[in-house]
Amino acid sequence: MLRFLADENFNNQIVRGVFRRNADVDMARVQDVSLSGADDPTVLEWAADQKRIVLTHDVATMTDFAYQRVKANLSMPGLFEISRRVPVGLAIEEILLLAECSLEGEWEGQVRFLPLR
């Protein structure tokens, strides 16, 4: 199962909903791992060290920093960007589907926008 890191401003309703549906999902929040206030490159580096895919709503800057890591041949386990306009229930379903149906390492170096459909 995939491992996730929810960015600092990621909707906690989504995080709680994922855990309500499947308590076994391995998801940490930036706040839980002492990264509150950290800049995007630091969050991405920590996620890479921990082999966690970052979940974010930040399409303005996080994407650029993720691509910079890929271009520099640094590990970037994946970045899933979810627009704040995506309904909470749909975001939960997408994360659960990805967590349960993806292989470890499958999203390495990729930035994807959810929902995938």
PDB file of N, CA and C in Angstrom:
ATOM      1  N   MET A   1       0.843  -1.182   0.000  1.00  0.00           N
ATOM      2  CA  MET A   1       0.000   0.000   0.000  1.00  0.00           C
ATOM      3  C   MET A   1       0.885   1.241   0.000  1.00  0.00           C
ATOM      4  N   LEU A   2       0.430   2.266  -0.691  1.00  0.00           N
ATOM      5  CA  LEU A   2       1.174   3.512  -0.776  1.00  0.00           C
ATOM      6  C   LEU A   2       1.236   4.208   0.574  1.00  0.00           C
ATOM      7  N   ARG A   3       2.241   5.072   0.706  1.00  0.00           N
ATOM      8  CA  ARG A   3       2.394   5.903   1.897  1.00  0.00           C
ATOM      9  C   ARG A   3       2.246   7.355   1.454  1.00  0.00           C
ATOM     10  N   PHE A   4       1.486   8.122   2.221  1.00  0.00           N
ATOM     11  CA  PHE A   4       1.180   9.497   1.855  1.00  0.00           C
ATOM     12  C   PHE A   4       1.677  10.484   2.905  1.00  0.00           C
ATOM     13  N   LEU A   5       1.884  11.720   2.444  1.00  0.00           N
ATOM     14  CA  LEU A   5       2.128  12.860   3.313  1.00  0.00           C
ATOM     15  C   LEU A   5       1.194  13.965   2.866  1.00  0.00           C
ATOM     16  N   ALA A   6       0.279  14.372   3.747  1.00  0.00           N
ATOM     17  CA  ALA A   6      -0.640  15.464   3.438  1.00  0.00           C
ATOM     18  C   ALA A   6       0.038  16.790   3.736  1.00  0.00           C
ATOM     19  N   ASP A   7       0.079  17.653   2.737  1.00  0.00           N
ATOM     20  CA  ASP A   7       0.683  18.973   2.866  1.00  0.00           C
ATOM     21  C   ASP A   7      -0.018  19.762   3.971  1.00  0.00           C
ATOM     22  N   GLU A   8       0.644  20.800   4.440  1.00  0.00           N
ATOM     23  CA  GLU A   8       0.152  21.559   5.598  1.00  0.00           C
ATOM     24  C   GLU A   8      -1.251  22.108   5.414  1.00  0.00           C
ATOM     25  N   ASN A   9      -1.576  22.571   4.226  1.00  0.00           N
ATOM     26  CA  ASN A   9      -2.897  23.158   3.989  1.00  0.00           C
ATOM     27  C   ASN A   9      -3.879  22.185   3.348  1.00  0.00           C
ATOM     28  N   PHE A  10      -3.548  20.902   3.369  1.00  0.00           N
ATOM     29  CA  PHE A  10      -4.435  19.901   2.783  1.00  0.00           C
ATOM     30  C   PHE A  10      -5.693  19.773   3.640  1.00  0.00           C
ATOM     31  N   ASN A  11      -6.822  19.640   2.994  1.00  0.00           N
ATOM     32  CA  ASN A  11      -8.125  19.580   3.661  1.00  0.00           C
ATOM     33  C   ASN A  11      -8.186  18.405   4.644  1.00  0.00           C
ATOM     34  N   ASN A  12      -8.296  18.715   5.929  1.00  0.00           N
ATOM     35  CA  ASN A  12      -8.346  17.665   6.951  1.00  0.00           C
ATOM     36  C   ASN A  12      -9.626  16.842   6.894  1.00  0.00           C
ATOM     37  N   GLN A  13     -10.675  17.367   6.265  1.00  0.00           N
ATOM     38  CA  GLN A  13     -11.884  16.556   6.071  1.00  0.00           C
ATOM     39  C   GLN A  13     -11.562  15.354   5.189  1.00  0.00           C
ATOM     40  N   ILE A  14     -10.709  15.563   4.206  1.00  0.00           N
ATOM     41  CA  ILE A  14     -10.307  14.467   3.323  1.00  0.00           C
ATOM     42  C   ILE A  14      -9.487  13.453   4.116  1.00  0.00           C
ATOM     43  N   VAL A  15      -8.530  13.940   4.893  1.00  0.00           N
ATOM     44  CA  VAL A  15      -7.693  13.047   5.698  1.00  0.00           C
ATOM     45  C   VAL A  15      -8.554  12.215   6.648  1.00  0.00           C
ATOM     46  N   ARG A  16      -9.449  12.870   7.365  1.00  0.00           N
ATOM     47  CA  ARG A  16     -10.323  12.137   8.303  1.00  0.00           C
ATOM     48  C   ARG A  16     -11.207  11.134   7.564  1.00  0.00           C
ATOM     49  N   GLY A  17     -11.714  11.536   6.406  1.00  0.00           N
ATOM     50  CA  GLY A  17     -12.570  10.638   5.631  1.00  0.00           C
ATOM     51  C   GLY A  17     -11.831   9.405   5.149  1.00  0.00           C
ATOM     52  N   VAL A  18     -10.573   9.576   4.737  1.00  0.00           N
ATOM     53  CA  VAL A  18      -9.764   8.427   4.323  1.00  0.00           C
ATOM     54  C   VAL A  18      -9.611   7.466   5.490  1.00  0.00           C
ATOM     55  N   PHE A  19      -9.262   7.997   6.663  1.00  0.00           N
ATOM     56  CA  PHE A  19      -9.067   7.140   7.836  1.00  0.00           C
ATOM     57  C   PHE A  19     -10.371   6.478   8.296  1.00  0.00           C
ATOM     58  N   ARG A  20     -11.504   7.175   8.161  1.00  0.00           N
ATOM     59  CA  ARG A  20     -12.790   6.569   8.523  1.00  0.00           C
ATOM     60  C   ARG A  20     -13.103   5.375   7.631  1.00  0.00           C
ATOM     61  N   ARG A  21     -12.762   5.495   6.359  1.00  0.00           N
ATOM     62  CA  ARG A  21     -13.041   4.420   5.411  1.00  0.00           C
ATOM     63  C   ARG A  21     -12.029   3.287   5.497  1.00  0.00           C
ATOM     64  N   ASN A  22     -10.763   3.633   5.815  1.00  0.00           N
ATOM     65  CA  ASN A  22      -9.727   2.600   5.899  1.00  0.00           C
ATOM     66  C   ASN A  22      -8.637   3.085   6.854  1.00  0.00           C
ATOM     67  N   ALA A  23      -8.706   2.631   8.078  1.00  0.00           N
ATOM     68  CA  ALA A  23      -7.757   3.052   9.115  1.00  0.00           C
ATOM     69  C   ALA A  23      -6.337   2.563   8.844  1.00  0.00           C
ATOM     70  N   ASP A  24      -6.172   1.648   7.894  1.00  0.00           N
ATOM     71  CA  ASP A  24      -4.848   1.104   7.596  1.00  0.00           C
ATOM     72  C   ASP A  24      -4.052   1.934   6.592  1.00  0.00           C
ATOM     73  N   VAL A  25      -4.675   2.952   6.006  1.00  0.00           N
ATOM     74  CA  VAL A  25      -3.949   3.795   5.061  1.00  0.00           C
ATOM     75  C   VAL A  25      -2.831   4.499   5.821  1.00  0.00           C
ATOM     76  N   ASP A  26      -1.653   4.471   5.246  1.00  0.00           N
ATOM     77  CA  ASP A  26      -0.478   5.088   5.868  1.00  0.00           C
ATOM     78  C   ASP A  26      -0.370   6.531   5.382  1.00  0.00           C
ATOM     79  N   MET A  27      -0.966   7.420   6.160  1.00  0.00           N
ATOM     80  CA  MET A  27      -0.961   8.836   5.803  1.00  0.00           C
ATOM     81  C   MET A  27      -0.529   9.649   7.014  1.00  0.00           C
ATOM     82  N   ALA A  28       0.497  10.461   6.819  1.00  0.00           N
ATOM     83  CA  ALA A  28       0.937  11.401   7.842  1.00  0.00           C
ATOM     84  C   ALA A  28       0.609  12.803   7.356  1.00  0.00           C
ATOM     85  N   ARG A  29       0.466  13.712   8.294  1.00  0.00           N
ATOM     86  CA  ARG A  29       0.276  15.117   7.948  1.00  0.00           C
ATOM     87  C   ARG A  29       1.566  15.866   8.266  1.00  0.00           C
ATOM     88  N   VAL A  30       1.848  16.903   7.498  1.00  0.00           N
ATOM     89  CA  VAL A  30       3.036  17.714   7.743  1.00  0.00           C
ATOM     90  C   VAL A  30       3.090  18.144   9.212  1.00  0.00           C
ATOM     91  N   GLN A  31       1.929  18.490   9.771  1.00  0.00           N
ATOM     92  CA  GLN A  31       1.869  18.926  11.161  1.00  0.00           C
ATOM     93  C   GLN A  31       2.292  17.820  12.135  1.00  0.00           C
ATOM     94  N   ASP A  32       2.065  16.568  11.757  1.00  0.00           N
ATOM     95  CA  ASP A  32       2.358  15.433  12.643  1.00  0.00           C
ATOM     96  C   ASP A  32       3.831  15.052  12.642  1.00  0.00           C
ATOM     97  N   VAL A  33       4.581  15.526  11.659  1.00  0.00           N
ATOM     98  CA  VAL A  33       5.987  15.120  11.535  1.00  0.00           C
ATOM     99  C   VAL A  33       6.926  16.321  11.704  1.00  0.00           C
ATOM    100  N   SER A  34       6.446  17.315  12.430  1.00  0.00           N
ATOM    101  CA  SER A  34       7.251  18.501  12.781  1.00  0.00           C
ATOM    102  C   SER A  34       7.752  19.277  11.567  1.00  0.00           C
ATOM    103  N   LEU A  35       6.922  19.357  10.521  1.00  0.00           N
ATOM    104  CA  LEU A  35       7.282  20.140   9.342  1.00  0.00           C
ATOM    105  C   LEU A  35       6.380  21.358   9.153  1.00  0.00           C
ATOM    106  N   SER A  36       5.602  21.700  10.170  1.00  0.00           N
ATOM    107  CA  SER A  36       4.728  22.876  10.048  1.00  0.00           C
ATOM    108  C   SER A  36       5.566  24.097   9.697  1.00  0.00           C
ATOM    109  N   GLY A  37       5.127  24.831   8.702  1.00  0.00           N
ATOM    110  CA  GLY A  37       5.823  26.034   8.280  1.00  0.00           C
ATOM    111  C   GLY A  37       7.005  25.788   7.363  1.00  0.00           C
ATOM    112  N   ALA A  38       7.320  24.522   7.090  1.00  0.00           N
ATOM    113  CA  ALA A  38       8.456  24.207   6.212  1.00  0.00           C
ATOM    114  C   ALA A  38       8.121  24.593   4.773  1.00  0.00           C
ATOM    115  N   ASP A  39       9.147  24.964   4.015  1.00  0.00           N
ATOM    116  CA  ASP A  39       8.922  25.312   2.621  1.00  0.00           C
ATOM    117  C   ASP A  39       8.730  24.046   1.786  1.00  0.00           C
ATOM    118  N   ASP A  40       8.246  24.237   0.565  1.00  0.00           N
ATOM    119  CA  ASP A  40       7.924  23.097  -0.301  1.00  0.00           C
ATOM    120  C   ASP A  40       9.117  22.181  -0.560  1.00  0.00           C
ATOM    121  N   PRO A  41      10.310  22.711  -0.866  1.00  0.00           N
ATOM    122  CA  PRO A  41      11.445  21.808  -1.095  1.00  0.00           C
ATOM    123  C   PRO A  41      11.757  20.927   0.121  1.00  0.00           C
ATOM    124  N   THR A  42      11.599  21.463   1.319  1.00  0.00           N
ATOM    125  CA  THR A  42      11.853  20.687   2.531  1.00  0.00           C
ATOM    126  C   THR A  42      10.813  19.584   2.687  1.00  0.00           C
ATOM    127  N   VAL A  43       9.557  19.905   2.421  1.00  0.00           N
ATOM    128  CA  VAL A  43       8.484  18.900   2.504  1.00  0.00           C
ATOM    129  C   VAL A  43       8.733  17.795   1.486  1.00  0.00           C
ATOM    130  N   LEU A  44       9.081  18.163   0.268  1.00  0.00           N
ATOM    131  CA  LEU A  44       9.337  17.160  -0.772  1.00  0.00           C
ATOM    132  C   LEU A  44      10.555  16.301  -0.436  1.00  0.00           C
ATOM    133  N   GLU A  45      11.575  16.897   0.143  1.00  0.00           N
ATOM    134  CA  GLU A  45      12.761  16.129   0.526  1.00  0.00           C
ATOM    135  C   GLU A  45      12.429  15.133   1.626  1.00  0.00           C
ATOM    136  N   TRP A  46      11.684  15.580   2.639  1.00  0.00           N
ATOM    137  CA  TRP A  46      11.290  14.675   3.724  1.00  0.00           C
ATOM    138  C   TRP A  46      10.451  13.528   3.162  1.00  0.00           C
ATOM    139  N   ALA A  47       9.495  13.859   2.294  1.00  0.00           N
ATOM    140  CA  ALA A  47       8.630  12.834   1.696  1.00  0.00           C
ATOM    141  C   ALA A  47       9.461  11.822   0.909  1.00  0.00           C
ATOM    142  N   ALA A  48      10.451  12.308   0.182  1.00  0.00           N
ATOM    143  CA  ALA A  48      11.314  11.412  -0.595  1.00  0.00           C
ATOM    144  C   ALA A  48      12.108  10.497   0.338  1.00  0.00           C
ATOM    145  N   ASP A  49      12.648  11.059   1.410  1.00  0.00           N
ATOM    146  CA  ASP A  49      13.408  10.251   2.367  1.00  0.00           C
ATOM    147  C   ASP A  49      12.551   9.159   2.998  1.00  0.00           C
ATOM    148  N   GLN A  50      11.268   9.467   3.182  1.00  0.00           N
ATOM    149  CA  GLN A  50      10.336   8.532   3.816  1.00  0.00           C
ATOM    150  C   GLN A  50       9.535   7.705   2.809  1.00  0.00           C
ATOM    151  N   LYS A  51       9.806   7.919   1.513  1.00  0.00           N
ATOM    152  CA  LYS A  51       9.091   7.228   0.433  1.00  0.00           C
ATOM    153  C   LYS A  51       7.570   7.438   0.521  1.00  0.00           C
ATOM    154  N   ARG A  52       7.203   8.711   0.688  1.00  0.00           N
ATOM    155  CA  ARG A  52       5.794   9.081   0.790  1.00  0.00           C
ATOM    156  C   ARG A  52       5.392   9.974  -0.377  1.00  0.00           C
ATOM    157  N   ILE A  53       4.223   9.729  -0.908  1.00  0.00           N
ATOM    158  CA  ILE A  53       3.644  10.561  -1.959  1.00  0.00           C
ATOM    159  C   ILE A  53       2.972  11.754  -1.290  1.00  0.00           C
ATOM    160  N   VAL A  54       3.243  12.939  -1.812  1.00  0.00           N
ATOM    161  CA  VAL A  54       2.672  14.149  -1.235  1.00  0.00           C
ATOM    162  C   VAL A  54       1.285  14.410  -1.821  1.00  0.00           C
ATOM    163  N   LEU A  55       0.353  14.726  -0.927  1.00  0.00           N
ATOM    164  CA  LEU A  55      -0.988  15.159  -1.303  1.00  0.00           C
ATOM    165  C   LEU A  55      -1.061  16.658  -1.052  1.00  0.00           C
ATOM    166  N   THR A  56      -1.482  17.423  -2.042  1.00  0.00           N
ATOM    167  CA  THR A  56      -1.498  18.871  -1.884  1.00  0.00           C
ATOM    168  C   THR A  56      -2.631  19.505  -2.673  1.00  0.00           C
ATOM    169  N   HIS A  57      -2.973  20.711  -2.267  1.00  0.00           N
ATOM    170  CA  HIS A  57      -3.878  21.559  -3.042  1.00  0.00           C
ATOM    171  C   HIS A  57      -3.079  22.669  -3.721  1.00  0.00           C
ATOM    172  N   ASP A  58      -1.788  22.744  -3.443  1.00  0.00           N
ATOM    173  CA  ASP A  58      -0.919  23.833  -3.887  1.00  0.00           C
ATOM    174  C   ASP A  58      -0.421  23.611  -5.321  1.00  0.00           C
ATOM    175  N   VAL A  59      -1.214  24.065  -6.272  1.00  0.00           N
ATOM    176  CA  VAL A  59      -0.804  23.918  -7.672  1.00  0.00           C
ATOM    177  C   VAL A  59       0.129  25.042  -8.105  1.00  0.00           C
ATOM    178  N   ALA A  60       0.257  26.079  -7.274  1.00  0.00           N
ATOM    179  CA  ALA A  60       1.058  27.241  -7.657  1.00  0.00           C
ATOM    180  C   ALA A  60       2.553  26.979  -7.556  1.00  0.00           C
ATOM    181  N   THR A  61       3.022  26.359  -6.477  1.00  0.00           N
ATOM    182  CA  THR A  61       4.464  26.217  -6.291  1.00  0.00           C
ATOM    183  C   THR A  61       4.937  24.776  -6.124  1.00  0.00           C
ATOM    184  N   MET A  62       4.154  23.942  -5.480  1.00  0.00           N
ATOM    185  CA  MET A  62       4.606  22.578  -5.180  1.00  0.00           C
ATOM    186  C   MET A  62       4.968  21.816  -6.450  1.00  0.00           C
ATOM    187  N   THR A  63       4.199  22.001  -7.510  1.00  0.00           N
ATOM    188  CA  THR A  63       4.459  21.312  -8.771  1.00  0.00           C
ATOM    189  C   THR A  63       5.836  21.656  -9.322  1.00  0.00           C
ATOM    190  N   ASP A  64       6.164  22.936  -9.329  1.00  0.00           N
ATOM    191  CA  ASP A  64       7.463  23.367  -9.845  1.00  0.00           C
ATOM    192  C   ASP A  64       8.613  22.742  -9.064  1.00  0.00           C
ATOM    193  N   PHE A  65       8.493  22.735  -7.751  1.00  0.00           N
ATOM    194  CA  PHE A  65       9.562  22.151  -6.927  1.00  0.00           C
ATOM    195  C   PHE A  65       9.663  20.638  -7.137  1.00  0.00           C
ATOM    196  N   ALA A  66       8.525  19.980  -7.353  1.00  0.00           N
ATOM    197  CA  ALA A  66       8.550  18.536  -7.622  1.00  0.00           C
ATOM    198  C   ALA A  66       9.274  18.258  -8.941  1.00  0.00           C
ATOM    199  N   TYR A  67       8.960  19.031  -9.971  1.00  0.00           N
ATOM    200  CA  TYR A  67       9.632  18.844 -11.258  1.00  0.00           C
ATOM    201  C   TYR A  67      11.123  19.175 -11.168  1.00  0.00           C
ATOM    202  N   GLN A  68      11.489  20.137 -10.337  1.00  0.00           N
ATOM    203  CA  GLN A  68      12.904  20.447 -10.137  1.00  0.00           C
ATOM    204  C   GLN A  68      13.646  19.250  -9.546  1.00  0.00           C
ATOM    205  N   ARG A  69      13.008  18.547  -8.606  1.00  0.00           N
ATOM    206  CA  ARG A  69      13.619  17.348  -8.025  1.00  0.00           C
ATOM    207  C   ARG A  69      13.814  16.283  -9.095  1.00  0.00           C
ATOM    208  N   VAL A  70      12.805  16.084  -9.928  1.00  0.00           N
ATOM    209  CA  VAL A  70      12.897  15.080 -10.991  1.00  0.00           C
ATOM    210  C   VAL A  70      14.023  15.450 -11.958  1.00  0.00           C
ATOM    211  N   LYS A  71      14.072  16.706 -12.359  1.00  0.00           N
ATOM    212  CA  LYS A  71      15.092  17.159 -13.296  1.00  0.00           C
ATOM    213  C   LYS A  71      16.500  16.994 -12.722  1.00  0.00           C
ATOM    214  N   ALA A  72      16.635  17.145 -11.409  1.00  0.00           N
ATOM    215  CA  ALA A  72      17.936  17.008 -10.746  1.00  0.00           C
ATOM    216  C   ALA A  72      18.261  15.547 -10.404  1.00  0.00           C
ATOM    217  N   ASN A  73      17.434  14.618 -10.889  1.00  0.00           N
ATOM    218  CA  ASN A  73      17.593  13.187 -10.610  1.00  0.00           C
ATOM    219  C   ASN A  73      17.543  12.864  -9.127  1.00  0.00           C
ATOM    220  N   LEU A  74      16.719  13.626  -8.387  1.00  0.00           N
ATOM    221  CA  LEU A  74      16.486  13.341  -6.976  1.00  0.00           C
ATOM    222  C   LEU A  74      15.200  12.534  -6.857  1.00  0.00           C
ATOM    223  N   SER A  75      15.118  11.750  -5.819  1.00  0.00           N
ATOM    224  CA  SER A  75      13.910  10.961  -5.595  1.00  0.00           C
ATOM    225  C   SER A  75      12.709  11.882  -5.400  1.00  0.00           C
ATOM    226  N   MET A  76      11.589  11.499  -6.018  1.00  0.00           N
ATOM    227  CA  MET A  76      10.329  12.201  -5.838  1.00  0.00           C
ATOM    228  C   MET A  76       9.237  11.146  -6.002  1.00  0.00           C
ATOM    229  N   PRO A  77       8.847  10.505  -4.869  1.00  0.00           N
ATOM    230  CA  PRO A  77       7.932   9.363  -4.928  1.00  0.00           C
ATOM    231  C   PRO A  77       6.591   9.625  -5.608  1.00  0.00           C
ATOM    232  N   GLY A  78       6.253  10.892  -5.778  1.00  0.00           N
ATOM    233  CA  GLY A  78       5.007  11.240  -6.446  1.00  0.00           C
ATOM    234  C   GLY A  78       4.363  12.431  -5.780  1.00  0.00           C
ATOM    235  N   LEU A  79       3.552  13.129  -6.549  1.00  0.00           N
ATOM    236  CA  LEU A  79       2.813  14.279  -6.047  1.00  0.00           C
ATOM    237  C   LEU A  79       1.415  14.206  -6.641  1.00  0.00           C
ATOM    238  N   PHE A  80       0.415  14.160  -5.767  1.00  0.00           N
ATOM    239  CA  PHE A  80      -0.979  14.182  -6.210  1.00  0.00           C
ATOM    240  C   PHE A  80      -1.567  15.532  -5.835  1.00  0.00           C
ATOM    241  N   GLU A  81      -1.967  16.272  -6.847  1.00  0.00           N
ATOM    242  CA  GLU A  81      -2.578  17.577  -6.647  1.00  0.00           C
ATOM    243  C   GLU A  81      -4.087  17.420  -6.767  1.00  0.00           C
ATOM    244  N   ILE A  82      -4.784  17.929  -5.761  1.00  0.00           N
ATOM    245  CA  ILE A  82      -6.233  17.833  -5.733  1.00  0.00           C
ATOM    246  C   ILE A  82      -6.790  19.242  -5.609  1.00  0.00           C
ATOM    247  N   SER A  83      -7.514  19.682  -6.608  1.00  0.00           N
ATOM    248  CA  SER A  83      -8.119  21.008  -6.574  1.00  0.00           C
ATOM    249  C   SER A  83      -9.075  21.094  -5.389  1.00  0.00           C
ATOM    250  N   ARG A  84      -9.150  22.270  -4.798  1.00  0.00           N
ATOM    251  CA  ARG A  84     -10.093  22.480  -3.697  1.00  0.00           C
ATOM    252  C   ARG A  84     -11.541  22.394  -4.187  1.00  0.00           C
ATOM    253  N   ARG A  85     -11.732  22.448  -5.512  1.00  0.00           N
ATOM    254  CA  ARG A  85     -13.083  22.348  -6.073  1.00  0.00           C
ATOM    255  C   ARG A  85     -13.570  20.905  -6.192  1.00  0.00           C
ATOM    256  N   VAL A  86     -12.649  19.942  -6.034  1.00  0.00           N
ATOM    257  CA  VAL A  86     -13.042  18.532  -6.092  1.00  0.00           C
ATOM    258  C   VAL A  86     -13.836  18.210  -4.831  1.00  0.00           C
ATOM    259  N   PRO A  87     -15.021  17.620  -4.976  1.00  0.00           N
ATOM    260  CA  PRO A  87     -15.804  17.271  -3.793  1.00  0.00           C
ATOM    261  C   PRO A  87     -15.009  16.358  -2.848  1.00  0.00           C
ATOM    262  N   VAL A  88     -15.181  16.577  -1.551  1.00  0.00           N
ATOM    263  CA  VAL A  88     -14.446  15.820  -0.537  1.00  0.00           C
ATOM    264  C   VAL A  88     -14.628  14.321  -0.735  1.00  0.00           C
ATOM    265  N   GLY A  89     -15.841  13.886  -0.974  1.00  0.00           N
ATOM    266  CA  GLY A  89     -16.111  12.453  -1.143  1.00  0.00           C
ATOM    267  C   GLY A  89     -15.348  11.859  -2.324  1.00  0.00           C
ATOM    268  N   LEU A  90     -15.285  12.596  -3.420  1.00  0.00           N
ATOM    269  CA  LEU A  90     -14.553  12.119  -4.596  1.00  0.00           C
ATOM    270  C   LEU A  90     -13.054  12.062  -4.302  1.00  0.00           C
ATOM    271  N   ALA A  91     -12.535  13.059  -3.609  1.00  0.00           N
ATOM    272  CA  ALA A  91     -11.112  13.051  -3.246  1.00  0.00           C
ATOM    273  C   ALA A  91     -10.785  11.838  -2.371  1.00  0.00           C
ATOM    274  N   ILE A  92     -11.645  11.543  -1.431  1.00  0.00           N
ATOM    275  CA  ILE A  92     -11.445  10.375  -0.556  1.00  0.00           C
ATOM    276  C   ILE A  92     -11.428   9.095  -1.379  1.00  0.00           C
ATOM    277  N   GLU A  93     -12.388   8.954  -2.268  1.00  0.00           N
ATOM    278  CA  GLU A  93     -12.460   7.756  -3.118  1.00  0.00           C
ATOM    279  C   GLU A  93     -11.197   7.588  -3.960  1.00  0.00           C
ATOM    280  N   GLU A  94     -10.722   8.671  -4.543  1.00  0.00           N
ATOM    281  CA  GLU A  94      -9.527   8.614  -5.389  1.00  0.00           C
ATOM    282  C   GLU A  94      -8.299   8.187  -4.582  1.00  0.00           C
ATOM    283  N   ILE A  95      -8.127   8.764  -3.407  1.00  0.00           N
ATOM    284  CA  ILE A  95      -6.974   8.419  -2.569  1.00  0.00           C
ATOM    285  C   ILE A  95      -7.045   6.961  -2.151  1.00  0.00           C
ATOM    286  N   LEU A  96      -8.217   6.501  -1.750  1.00  0.00           N
ATOM    287  CA  LEU A  96      -8.366   5.101  -1.355  1.00  0.00           C
ATOM    288  C   LEU A  96      -8.094   4.159  -2.517  1.00  0.00           C
ATOM    289  N   LEU A  97      -8.588   4.506  -3.690  1.00  0.00           N
ATOM    290  CA  LEU A  97      -8.351   3.680  -4.870  1.00  0.00           C
ATOM    291  C   LEU A  97      -6.860   3.595  -5.169  1.00  0.00           C
ATOM    292  N   LEU A  98      -6.193   4.730  -5.136  1.00  0.00           N
ATOM    293  CA  LEU A  98      -4.749   4.750  -5.394  1.00  0.00           C
ATOM    294  C   LEU A  98      -3.985   3.971  -4.331  1.00  0.00           C
ATOM    295  N   ALA A  99      -4.380   4.136  -3.076  1.00  0.00           N
ATOM    296  CA  ALA A  99      -3.690   3.452  -1.978  1.00  0.00           C
ATOM    297  C   ALA A  99      -3.805   1.937  -2.108  1.00  0.00           C
ATOM    298  N   GLU A 100      -4.953   1.474  -2.526  1.00  0.00           N
ATOM    299  CA  GLU A 100      -5.213   0.043  -2.562  1.00  0.00           C
ATOM    300  C   GLU A 100      -4.782  -0.623  -3.865  1.00  0.00           C
ATOM    301  N   CYS A 101      -4.724   0.128  -4.943  1.00  0.00           N
ATOM    302  CA  CYS A 101      -4.495  -0.492  -6.247  1.00  0.00           C
ATOM    303  C   CYS A 101      -3.147  -0.157  -6.885  1.00  0.00           C
ATOM    304  N   SER A 102      -2.363   0.674  -6.244  1.00  0.00           N
ATOM    305  CA  SER A 102      -1.068   1.058  -6.814  1.00  0.00           C
ATOM    306  C   SER A 102       0.046   0.209  -6.239  1.00  0.00           C
ATOM    307  N   LEU A 103       1.088   0.079  -7.021  1.00  0.00           N
ATOM    308  CA  LEU A 103       2.275  -0.632  -6.578  1.00  0.00           C
ATOM    309  C   LEU A 103       3.279   0.357  -6.005  1.00  0.00           C
ATOM    310  N   GLU A 104       4.058  -0.096  -5.050  1.00  0.00           N
ATOM    311  CA  GLU A 104       5.089   0.761  -4.484  1.00  0.00           C
ATOM    312  C   GLU A 104       6.038   1.202  -5.597  1.00  0.00           C
ATOM    313  N   GLY A 105       6.330   2.486  -5.638  1.00  0.00           N
ATOM    314  CA  GLY A 105       7.227   3.028  -6.652  1.00  0.00           C
ATOM    315  C   GLY A 105       6.561   3.373  -7.969  1.00  0.00           C
ATOM    316  N   GLU A 106       5.307   3.032  -8.125  1.00  0.00           N
ATOM    317  CA  GLU A 106       4.606   3.251  -9.390  1.00  0.00           C
ATOM    318  C   GLU A 106       4.520   4.725  -9.784  1.00  0.00           C
ATOM    319  N   TRP A 107       4.463   5.618  -8.822  1.00  0.00           N
ATOM    320  CA  TRP A 107       4.263   7.032  -9.102  1.00  0.00           C
ATOM    321  C   TRP A 107       5.556   7.843  -9.010  1.00  0.00           C
ATOM    322  N   GLU A 108       6.696   7.167  -8.892  1.00  0.00           N
ATOM    323  CA  GLU A 108       7.997   7.839  -8.794  1.00  0.00           C
ATOM    324  C   GLU A 108       8.183   8.833  -9.945  1.00  0.00           C
ATOM    325  N   GLY A 109       8.518  10.068  -9.573  1.00  0.00           N
ATOM    326  CA  GLY A 109       8.807  11.098 -10.561  1.00  0.00           C
ATOM    327  C   GLY A 109       7.595  11.677 -11.263  1.00  0.00           C
ATOM    328  N   GLN A 110       6.402  11.363 -10.776  1.00  0.00           N
ATOM    329  CA  GLN A 110       5.191  11.816 -11.464  1.00  0.00           C
ATOM    330  C   GLN A 110       4.412  12.826 -10.634  1.00  0.00           C
ATOM    331  N   VAL A 111       3.832  13.782 -11.338  1.00  0.00           N
ATOM    332  CA  VAL A 111       2.890  14.731 -10.758  1.00  0.00           C
ATOM    333  C   VAL A 111       1.559  14.441 -11.427  1.00  0.00           C
ATOM    334  N   ARG A 112       0.551  14.156 -10.633  1.00  0.00           N
ATOM    335  CA  ARG A 112      -0.763  13.820 -11.182  1.00  0.00           C
ATOM    336  C   ARG A 112      -1.822  14.685 -10.534  1.00  0.00           C
ATOM    337  N   PHE A 113      -2.829  15.006 -11.308  1.00  0.00           N
ATOM    338  CA  PHE A 113      -3.948  15.791 -10.805  1.00  0.00           C
ATOM    339  C   PHE A 113      -5.129  14.863 -10.599  1.00  0.00           C
ATOM    340  N   LEU A 114      -5.739  14.954  -9.420  1.00  0.00           N
ATOM    341  CA  LEU A 114      -6.877  14.102  -9.094  1.00  0.00           C
ATOM    342  C   LEU A 114      -8.153  14.933  -9.213  1.00  0.00           C
ATOM    343  N   PRO A 115      -9.233  14.320  -9.666  1.00  0.00           N
ATOM    344  CA  PRO A 115      -9.359  12.905  -9.982  1.00  0.00           C
ATOM    345  C   PRO A 115      -8.673  12.553 -11.297  1.00  0.00           C
ATOM    346  N   LEU A 116      -8.267  11.294 -11.397  1.00  0.00           N
ATOM    347  CA  LEU A 116      -7.560  10.822 -12.584  1.00  0.00           C
ATOM    348  C   LEU A 116      -8.470  10.729 -13.803  1.00  0.00           C
ATOM    349  N   ARG A 117      -9.757  10.600 -13.592  1.00  0.00           N
ATOM    350  CA  ARG A 117     -10.695  10.448 -14.704  1.00  0.00           C
ATOM    351  C   ARG A 117     -10.745  11.707 -15.540  1.00  0.00           C
TER     352      ARG A 117
END
